[in-house]
């Protein structure tokens, strides 16, 4: 049974890699994300940042009053 499973795994991996490798060479694309630019220019991030600062300010006011 072990031998059968190992042979099946070997055949499946050869078929999978044998089919995908020739196509991968022609369609390989590498993308780069500039995280700093995304954090500065994204509208969604700006909205989250505004909500976060508003939340921080509402929690900071009672603490500053207690001081």
N, C-alpha and C. Protein backbone atom coordinates (compact mmCIF):
# COMPACT_ATOMS: atom_id res chain seq x y z
N UNK A 1 0.83 -1.19 0.00
CA UNK A 1 0.00 0.00 0.00
C UNK A 1 0.87 1.25 0.00
N UNK A 2 1.96 1.22 0.80
CA UNK A 2 2.85 2.37 0.83
C UNK A 2 3.48 2.60 -0.54
N UNK A 3 3.85 1.52 -1.16
CA UNK A 3 4.49 1.63 -2.47
C UNK A 3 3.51 2.20 -3.50
N UNK A 4 2.27 1.76 -3.44
CA UNK A 4 1.25 2.25 -4.35
C UNK A 4 1.03 3.75 -4.18
N UNK A 5 0.95 4.20 -2.93
CA UNK A 5 0.75 5.62 -2.66
C UNK A 5 1.95 6.44 -3.10
N UNK A 6 3.14 5.92 -2.88
CA UNK A 6 4.32 6.67 -3.28
C UNK A 6 4.42 6.76 -4.81
N UNK A 7 4.03 5.69 -5.50
CA UNK A 7 4.04 5.71 -6.96
C UNK A 7 2.99 6.70 -7.48
N UNK A 8 1.81 6.70 -6.86
CA UNK A 8 0.75 7.64 -7.26
C UNK A 8 1.20 9.09 -7.03
N UNK A 9 1.84 9.33 -5.90
CA UNK A 9 2.33 10.67 -5.60
C UNK A 9 3.39 11.09 -6.61
N UNK A 10 4.28 10.18 -6.94
CA UNK A 10 5.33 10.46 -7.91
C UNK A 10 4.75 10.77 -9.29
N UNK A 11 3.79 9.98 -9.72
CA UNK A 11 3.17 10.20 -11.02
C UNK A 11 2.42 11.53 -11.05
N UNK A 12 1.67 11.80 -9.99
CA UNK A 12 0.93 13.07 -9.93
C UNK A 12 1.87 14.26 -9.93
N UNK A 13 2.95 14.19 -9.19
CA UNK A 13 3.89 15.31 -9.16
C UNK A 13 4.58 15.50 -10.50
N UNK A 14 4.92 14.41 -11.18
CA UNK A 14 5.54 14.53 -12.50
C UNK A 14 4.56 15.15 -13.49
N UNK A 15 3.33 14.71 -13.44
CA UNK A 15 2.32 15.26 -14.35
C UNK A 15 2.09 16.74 -14.05
N UNK A 16 1.96 17.08 -12.77
CA UNK A 16 1.70 18.47 -12.39
C UNK A 16 2.85 19.38 -12.80
N UNK A 17 4.07 19.02 -12.41
CA UNK A 17 5.22 19.86 -12.72
C UNK A 17 5.58 19.80 -14.20
N UNK A 18 5.35 18.68 -14.85
CA UNK A 18 5.65 18.55 -16.26
C UNK A 18 4.75 19.42 -17.11
N UNK A 19 3.51 19.57 -16.70
CA UNK A 19 2.57 20.40 -17.46
C UNK A 19 2.76 21.88 -17.14
N UNK A 20 3.02 22.20 -15.90
CA UNK A 20 3.05 23.61 -15.51
C UNK A 20 4.38 24.29 -15.82
N UNK A 21 5.48 23.59 -15.88
CA UNK A 21 6.76 24.23 -16.10
C UNK A 21 6.90 24.90 -17.46
N UNK A 22 6.55 24.27 -18.57
CA UNK A 22 6.70 24.97 -19.84
C UNK A 22 5.84 26.23 -19.95
N UNK A 23 4.65 26.18 -19.38
CA UNK A 23 3.79 27.37 -19.42
C UNK A 23 4.30 28.44 -18.48
N UNK A 24 4.88 28.05 -17.37
CA UNK A 24 5.33 29.02 -16.38
C UNK A 24 6.47 29.88 -16.92
N UNK A 25 7.29 29.33 -17.75
CA UNK A 25 8.42 30.10 -18.28
C UNK A 25 7.95 31.23 -19.18
N UNK A 26 6.90 31.01 -19.94
CA UNK A 26 6.44 32.05 -20.86
C UNK A 26 5.54 33.08 -20.18
N UNK A 27 4.87 32.70 -19.13
CA UNK A 27 3.92 33.63 -18.51
C UNK A 27 4.35 34.09 -17.12
N UNK A 28 5.62 33.96 -16.80
CA UNK A 28 6.10 34.35 -15.48
C UNK A 28 6.19 35.87 -15.40
N UNK A 29 5.48 36.43 -14.45
CA UNK A 29 5.52 37.87 -14.24
C UNK A 29 5.79 38.12 -12.76
N UNK A 30 6.61 39.08 -12.49
CA UNK A 30 6.96 39.41 -11.12
C UNK A 30 6.42 40.80 -10.82
N UNK A 31 5.68 40.91 -9.74
CA UNK A 31 5.12 42.20 -9.35
C UNK A 31 5.78 42.70 -8.08
N UNK A 32 5.87 44.01 -7.96
CA UNK A 32 6.46 44.64 -6.79
C UNK A 32 5.44 45.61 -6.21
N UNK A 33 5.22 45.53 -4.92
CA UNK A 33 4.31 46.43 -4.23
C UNK A 33 5.12 47.44 -3.43
N UNK A 34 4.85 48.71 -3.66
CA UNK A 34 5.47 49.77 -2.88
C UNK A 34 4.53 50.07 -1.72
N UNK A 35 4.80 49.47 -0.58
CA UNK A 35 3.90 49.57 0.56
C UNK A 35 3.82 51.00 1.09
N UNK A 36 4.92 51.74 1.06
CA UNK A 36 4.89 53.13 1.53
C UNK A 36 3.97 53.98 0.67
N UNK A 37 4.03 53.77 -0.64
CA UNK A 37 3.18 54.54 -1.55
C UNK A 37 1.71 54.18 -1.34
N UNK A 38 1.44 52.91 -1.15
CA UNK A 38 0.06 52.47 -0.91
C UNK A 38 -0.48 53.08 0.37
N UNK A 39 0.34 53.08 1.42
CA UNK A 39 -0.10 53.63 2.71
C UNK A 39 -0.32 55.14 2.64
N UNK A 40 0.38 55.82 1.76
CA UNK A 40 0.23 57.27 1.66
C UNK A 40 -0.90 57.69 0.73
N UNK A 41 -1.14 56.93 -0.34
CA UNK A 41 -2.06 57.38 -1.38
C UNK A 41 -3.41 56.68 -1.41
N UNK A 42 -3.56 55.60 -0.67
CA UNK A 42 -4.80 54.85 -0.73
C UNK A 42 -5.93 55.59 -0.02
N UNK A 43 -7.08 55.68 -0.66
CA UNK A 43 -8.23 56.36 -0.07
C UNK A 43 -8.75 55.59 1.14
N UNK A 44 -8.76 54.28 1.03
CA UNK A 44 -9.27 53.45 2.13
C UNK A 44 -8.37 53.58 3.36
N UNK A 45 -7.07 53.57 3.13
CA UNK A 45 -6.13 53.72 4.25
C UNK A 45 -6.30 55.09 4.90
N UNK A 46 -6.53 56.13 4.10
CA UNK A 46 -6.74 57.46 4.66
C UNK A 46 -7.98 57.49 5.53
N UNK A 47 -9.05 56.82 5.08
CA UNK A 47 -10.28 56.77 5.88
C UNK A 47 -10.04 56.03 7.19
N UNK A 48 -9.35 54.91 7.13
CA UNK A 48 -9.05 54.16 8.35
C UNK A 48 -8.18 54.97 9.30
N UNK A 49 -7.22 55.71 8.74
CA UNK A 49 -6.34 56.52 9.57
C UNK A 49 -7.14 57.63 10.27
N UNK A 50 -8.07 58.25 9.54
CA UNK A 50 -8.89 59.30 10.15
C UNK A 50 -9.77 58.73 11.27
N UNK A 51 -10.35 57.55 11.03
CA UNK A 51 -11.17 56.93 12.06
C UNK A 51 -10.32 56.56 13.28
N UNK A 52 -9.13 56.07 13.04
CA UNK A 52 -8.24 55.69 14.13
C UNK A 52 -7.86 56.91 14.96
N UNK A 53 -7.48 58.01 14.30
CA UNK A 53 -7.10 59.21 15.04
C UNK A 53 -8.29 59.80 15.79
N UNK A 54 -9.48 59.71 15.21
CA UNK A 54 -10.66 60.20 15.91
C UNK A 54 -10.93 59.35 17.14
N UNK A 55 -10.77 58.07 17.01
CA UNK A 55 -10.97 57.17 18.14
C UNK A 55 -9.92 57.41 19.23
N UNK A 56 -8.70 57.63 18.82
CA UNK A 56 -7.63 57.90 19.78
C UNK A 56 -7.90 59.21 20.52
N UNK A 57 -8.35 60.22 19.80
CA UNK A 57 -8.63 61.50 20.44
C UNK A 57 -9.77 61.39 21.44
N UNK A 58 -10.80 60.62 21.12
CA UNK A 58 -11.92 60.48 22.06
C UNK A 58 -11.47 59.75 23.33
N UNK A 59 -10.51 58.87 23.21
CA UNK A 59 -10.01 58.16 24.40
C UNK A 59 -8.93 58.96 25.12
N UNK A 60 -8.28 59.87 24.41
CA UNK A 60 -7.23 60.65 25.02
C UNK A 60 -7.78 61.79 25.87
N UNK A 61 -8.93 62.34 25.50
CA UNK A 61 -9.52 63.47 26.23
C UNK A 61 -9.81 63.12 27.69
N UNK A 62 -10.48 62.01 27.98
CA UNK A 62 -10.71 61.71 29.41
C UNK A 62 -9.41 61.46 30.18
N UNK A 63 -8.44 60.90 29.52
CA UNK A 63 -7.17 60.67 30.22
C UNK A 63 -6.45 61.99 30.52
N UNK A 64 -6.48 62.91 29.59
CA UNK A 64 -5.83 64.19 29.84
C UNK A 64 -6.58 64.99 30.90
N UNK A 65 -7.91 64.82 30.99
CA UNK A 65 -8.68 65.50 32.04
C UNK A 65 -8.36 64.94 33.40
N UNK A 66 -8.11 63.63 33.47
CA UNK A 66 -7.79 63.00 34.75
C UNK A 66 -6.41 63.39 35.24
N UNK A 67 -5.52 63.75 34.31
CA UNK A 67 -4.18 64.18 34.73
C UNK A 67 -4.28 65.50 35.46
